[in-house]
Amino acid sequence: MNAQRLALAGVLSAALPTAASVAQPGFKVLFDGTSTEAWRGFRRDAFPARGWVVERGALKTIVGGDLRDIVTKDTFKDFELELEWKVSPGGNSGVFYGVSETEGETYFTGPEMQVLDDLGHADGKDPKTSAGSLYALVAPTGKALKPVGAFNQARIVKKGSHVEHWLNGKKVVQYELGSTALAKLIAESKFKDMKRFAKESEGHIALQHHGQEVWFRNVKVRAGS
């Protein structure tokens, strides 16, 4: 390819939309690689710019900054959420859903899909708190986790009471909200005294700032009817 064609190809490539900014049919982009417009701080009106930054097309936590989870401005009942995440060595975070701001923290109401360096963090020793789990309640099965520094593909599906966690193309967790089985697990867990935990039929989606570096990108959601 001659220099003129190479230059033209570069211009056209730069003009093309990135994968992060193009929503599949029915999906709404929650983070397009640049704008934080769809997000704000938990129980805040504004985005916590001292806790999160946009870096190379990803939402990234600031270590030592404002330890504030971020939530979608919109709430969702039935939905399909897709995103990619990666963590630093020893990193810990999570994706919450069904979050209400009536309680003091996102995890007081919202179930969590764990985001973790399984090998470098103590939580990785317990399958119920490892990456992909319904945190502290249901261990993932058959997962294939990417190494630290690589992006993992996550998908959460909620339809009525049925919830699924997918990690790198594999369904790793499924459960029923409001079921006797889930109630028993909650009663035996750290959530037993959180009266609104996993009780909201509709709520915000939240990304956790746990203190370590974590990156999220290509975040999109398709709301159910």
Protein backbone atom coordinates (compact mmCIF):
# COMPACT_ATOMS: atom_id res chain seq x y z
CA MET A 1 0.00 0.00 0.00
CA ASN A 2 1.46 3.38 -0.99
CA ALA A 3 1.76 6.30 1.41
CA GLN A 4 -1.34 8.10 0.07
CA ARG A 5 -3.55 5.03 0.46
CA LEU A 6 -2.10 4.31 3.91
CA ALA A 7 -2.89 7.86 5.03
CA LEU A 8 -6.44 7.58 3.67
CA ALA A 9 -6.96 4.27 5.44
CA GLY A 10 -5.83 5.87 8.67
CA VAL A 11 -8.33 8.71 8.29
CA LEU A 12 -11.19 6.33 7.53
CA SER A 13 -10.26 4.09 10.44
CA ALA A 14 -10.23 7.04 12.82
CA ALA A 15 -13.65 8.11 11.58
CA LEU A 16 -15.26 4.72 12.13
CA PRO A 17 -17.19 4.24 15.39
CA THR A 18 -15.58 1.95 17.94
CA ALA A 19 -17.20 -1.25 19.18
CA ALA A 20 -17.87 0.48 22.51
CA SER A 21 -19.92 3.21 20.87
CA VAL A 22 -22.11 0.97 18.68
CA ALA A 23 -25.10 -0.64 20.34
CA GLN A 24 -26.51 -3.90 19.03
CA PRO A 25 -30.21 -3.83 18.12
CA GLY A 26 -32.27 -3.23 21.25
CA PHE A 27 -29.27 -2.35 23.40
CA LYS A 28 -28.62 1.03 25.00
CA VAL A 29 -24.99 2.05 25.42
CA LEU A 30 -24.27 2.92 29.05
CA PHE A 31 -20.61 3.72 28.46
CA ASP A 32 -19.26 4.49 24.99
CA GLY A 33 -15.61 4.88 25.91
CA THR A 34 -15.79 8.62 26.51
CA SER A 35 -19.00 9.86 28.15
CA THR A 36 -20.08 9.23 31.76
CA GLU A 37 -23.48 10.81 31.12
CA ALA A 38 -25.42 7.64 31.99
CA TRP A 39 -23.80 7.41 35.45
CA ARG A 40 -23.63 9.24 38.77
CA GLY A 41 -22.34 8.48 42.24
CA PHE A 42 -24.42 6.27 44.52
CA ARG A 43 -26.75 8.59 46.47
CA ARG A 44 -25.22 11.56 44.67
CA ASP A 45 -26.39 13.84 41.90
CA ALA A 46 -23.04 14.06 40.10
CA PHE A 47 -20.43 11.67 38.76
CA PRO A 48 -17.61 11.17 41.33
CA ALA A 49 -14.73 12.50 39.24
CA ARG A 50 -12.27 12.14 42.13
CA GLY A 51 -12.96 8.42 42.29
CA TRP A 52 -13.33 7.41 38.65
CA VAL A 53 -11.65 8.43 35.40
CA VAL A 54 -12.04 7.59 31.73
CA GLU A 55 -8.81 5.98 30.54
CA ARG A 56 -8.23 4.54 27.06
CA GLY A 57 -11.90 3.87 26.47
CA ALA A 58 -12.60 2.37 29.89
CA LEU A 59 -14.07 3.53 33.18
CA LYS A 60 -11.27 3.16 35.73
CA THR A 61 -11.21 3.54 39.50
CA ILE A 62 -8.73 5.96 41.05
CA VAL A 63 -6.74 4.33 43.85
CA GLY A 64 -6.75 6.59 46.89
CA GLY A 65 -9.60 8.61 45.42
CA ASP A 66 -13.26 8.91 46.30
CA LEU A 67 -14.41 5.39 47.25
CA ARG A 68 -17.83 5.83 45.73
CA ASP A 69 -19.70 3.23 43.69
CA ILE A 70 -21.33 4.53 40.53
CA VAL A 71 -24.90 3.77 39.49
CA THR A 72 -26.93 4.14 36.33
CA LYS A 73 -29.23 7.12 36.30
CA ASP A 74 -31.93 4.82 34.95
CA THR A 75 -33.44 1.86 36.77
CA PHE A 76 -34.13 -1.55 35.25
CA LYS A 77 -36.55 -4.38 35.94
CA ASP A 78 -35.96 -7.10 33.36
CA PHE A 79 -32.72 -6.63 31.44
CA GLU A 80 -29.69 -8.08 29.70
CA LEU A 81 -26.45 -6.35 30.68
CA GLU A 82 -23.17 -6.81 28.83
CA LEU A 83 -19.76 -5.40 29.71
CA GLU A 84 -16.06 -6.16 29.86
CA TRP A 85 -13.93 -5.90 32.99
CA LYS A 86 -10.34 -6.34 34.08
CA VAL A 87 -8.60 -5.92 37.43
CA SER A 88 -5.12 -5.11 38.67
CA PRO A 89 -3.18 -7.77 40.62
CA GLY A 90 -5.14 -8.46 43.81
CA GLY A 91 -8.04 -6.39 42.47
CA ASN A 92 -11.61 -6.66 43.75
CA SER A 93 -14.82 -5.09 42.48
CA GLY A 94 -18.35 -6.06 41.50
CA VAL A 95 -21.36 -5.43 39.31
CA PHE A 96 -24.60 -4.91 41.24
CA TYR A 97 -28.19 -4.86 40.02
CA GLY A 98 -31.55 -4.21 41.65
CA VAL A 99 -29.89 -1.45 43.68
CA SER A 100 -32.02 0.92 45.74
CA GLU A 101 -30.71 4.17 47.21
CA THR A 102 -32.92 3.86 50.29
CA GLU A 103 -30.14 1.99 52.09
CA GLY A 104 -26.59 2.98 53.01
CA GLU A 105 -24.54 1.03 50.44
CA THR A 106 -25.14 -0.60 47.06
CA TYR A 107 -24.67 -4.09 48.52
CA PHE A 108 -27.40 -3.55 51.12
CA THR A 109 -29.98 -4.12 48.38
CA GLY A 110 -28.26 -5.25 45.17
CA PRO A 111 -27.08 -8.78 44.43
CA GLU A 112 -23.53 -8.80 43.05
CA MET A 113 -21.65 -10.50 40.28
CA GLN A 114 -18.14 -10.67 41.70
CA VAL A 115 -15.21 -9.11 39.81
CA LEU A 116 -11.89 -10.41 41.12
CA ASP A 117 -8.32 -11.53 40.67
CA ASP A 118 -9.00 -15.08 41.88
CA LEU A 119 -5.33 -15.96 42.33
CA GLY A 120 -4.20 -12.71 43.93
CA HIS A 121 -7.08 -11.94 46.32
CA ALA A 122 -8.17 -13.90 49.41
CA ASP A 123 -11.77 -14.01 48.18
CA GLY A 124 -10.62 -16.22 45.31
CA LYS A 125 -10.00 -19.07 47.76
CA ASP A 126 -13.74 -19.47 48.33
CA PRO A 127 -15.73 -20.33 45.19
CA LYS A 128 -18.74 -18.42 46.55
CA THR A 129 -16.73 -15.18 46.57
CA SER A 130 -14.68 -15.84 43.43
CA ALA A 131 -15.06 -14.08 40.08
CA GLY A 132 -18.45 -14.60 38.46
CA SER A 133 -20.18 -15.74 41.65
CA LEU A 134 -23.39 -14.41 43.11
CA TYR A 135 -21.23 -12.91 45.81
CA ALA A 136 -21.13 -14.92 49.05
CA LEU A 137 -24.15 -16.99 47.99
CA VAL A 138 -23.71 -19.07 44.82
CA ALA A 139 -20.40 -20.32 43.40
CA PRO A 140 -19.81 -20.21 39.64
CA THR A 141 -19.47 -23.47 37.73
CA GLY A 142 -17.50 -24.19 34.58
CA LYS A 143 -15.96 -20.74 34.32
CA ALA A 144 -12.92 -19.82 32.26
CA LEU A 145 -11.30 -16.70 33.70
CA LYS A 146 -8.87 -14.54 31.73
CA PRO A 147 -5.50 -13.72 33.35
CA VAL A 148 -5.03 -10.47 35.26
CA GLY A 149 -4.59 -7.59 32.84
CA ALA A 150 -6.92 -9.08 30.21
CA PHE A 151 -10.55 -8.12 29.79
CA ASN A 152 -13.25 -10.62 30.72
CA GLN A 153 -16.66 -10.56 29.07
CA ALA A 154 -19.56 -10.51 31.53
CA ARG A 155 -23.29 -10.80 30.96
CA ILE A 156 -26.12 -10.63 33.48
CA VAL A 157 -29.65 -11.58 32.48
CA LYS A 158 -32.71 -10.95 34.65
CA LYS A 159 -36.18 -11.95 33.52
CA GLY A 160 -38.82 -11.93 36.23
CA SER A 161 -37.32 -13.82 39.15
CA HIS A 162 -34.81 -15.72 37.01
CA VAL A 163 -31.21 -14.43 36.99
CA GLU A 164 -28.15 -15.67 35.11
CA HIS A 165 -24.46 -14.72 35.32
CA TRP A 166 -22.35 -15.36 32.22
CA LEU A 167 -18.55 -15.10 32.08
CA ASN A 168 -16.55 -15.30 28.86
CA GLY A 169 -19.41 -16.93 26.99
CA LYS A 170 -20.34 -19.50 29.65
CA LYS A 171 -23.32 -19.45 31.99
CA VAL A 172 -21.72 -19.83 35.42
CA VAL A 173 -24.57 -18.98 37.84
CA GLN A 174 -28.34 -19.14 37.75
CA TYR A 175 -30.87 -18.64 40.54
CA GLU A 176 -34.39 -17.48 41.35
CA LEU A 177 -35.04 -14.28 43.25
CA GLY A 178 -37.57 -14.79 46.04
CA SER A 179 -37.10 -18.54 46.08
CA THR A 180 -36.92 -20.66 49.22
CA ALA A 181 -33.46 -21.82 48.19
CA LEU A 182 -32.13 -18.25 47.90
CA ALA A 183 -33.81 -17.20 51.15
CA LYS A 184 -31.97 -20.03 52.95
CA LEU A 185 -28.63 -18.96 51.51
CA ILE A 186 -29.24 -15.34 52.49
CA ALA A 187 -30.24 -16.35 56.04
CA GLU A 188 -26.88 -18.10 56.42
CA SER A 189 -24.83 -15.21 54.99
CA LYS A 190 -23.59 -11.70 55.79
CA PHE A 191 -26.78 -10.37 54.21
CA LYS A 192 -29.14 -11.91 56.77
CA ASP A 193 -29.82 -8.61 58.57
CA MET A 194 -30.15 -6.54 55.39
CA LYS A 195 -33.94 -6.48 55.12
CA ARG A 196 -34.09 -5.15 51.55
CA PHE A 197 -31.31 -7.31 50.10
CA ALA A 198 -32.38 -8.95 46.81
CA LYS A 199 -35.94 -7.69 47.35
CA GLU A 200 -36.16 -4.91 44.76
CA SER A 201 -38.05 -5.82 41.59
CA GLU A 202 -36.49 -2.82 39.85
CA GLY A 203 -33.31 -0.93 40.56
CA HIS A 204 -30.07 0.68 39.43
CA ILE A 205 -27.06 -1.12 37.99
CA ALA A 206 -23.89 -0.28 39.95
CA LEU A 207 -20.13 -0.65 39.48
CA GLN A 208 -18.11 -0.96 42.66
CA HIS A 209 -15.09 1.04 43.77
CA HIS A 210 -13.45 -1.33 46.27
CA GLY A 211 -10.17 0.58 46.48
CA GLN A 212 -8.13 -1.26 43.86
CA GLU A 213 -7.76 -0.52 40.16
CA VAL A 214 -10.50 -1.95 37.97
CA TRP A 215 -11.54 -1.15 34.42
CA PHE A 216 -14.97 -1.45 32.76
CA ARG A 217 -15.70 -0.94 29.08
CA ASN A 218 -18.29 -1.70 26.37
CA VAL A 219 -21.12 -1.38 28.85
CA LYS A 220 -24.57 -1.78 27.35
CA VAL A 221 -28.01 -2.94 28.42
CA ARG A 222 -31.17 -4.19 26.76
CA ALA A 223 -34.24 -3.59 28.89
CA GLY A 224 -37.00 -6.18 28.95
CA SER A 225 -40.66 -5.47 28.45
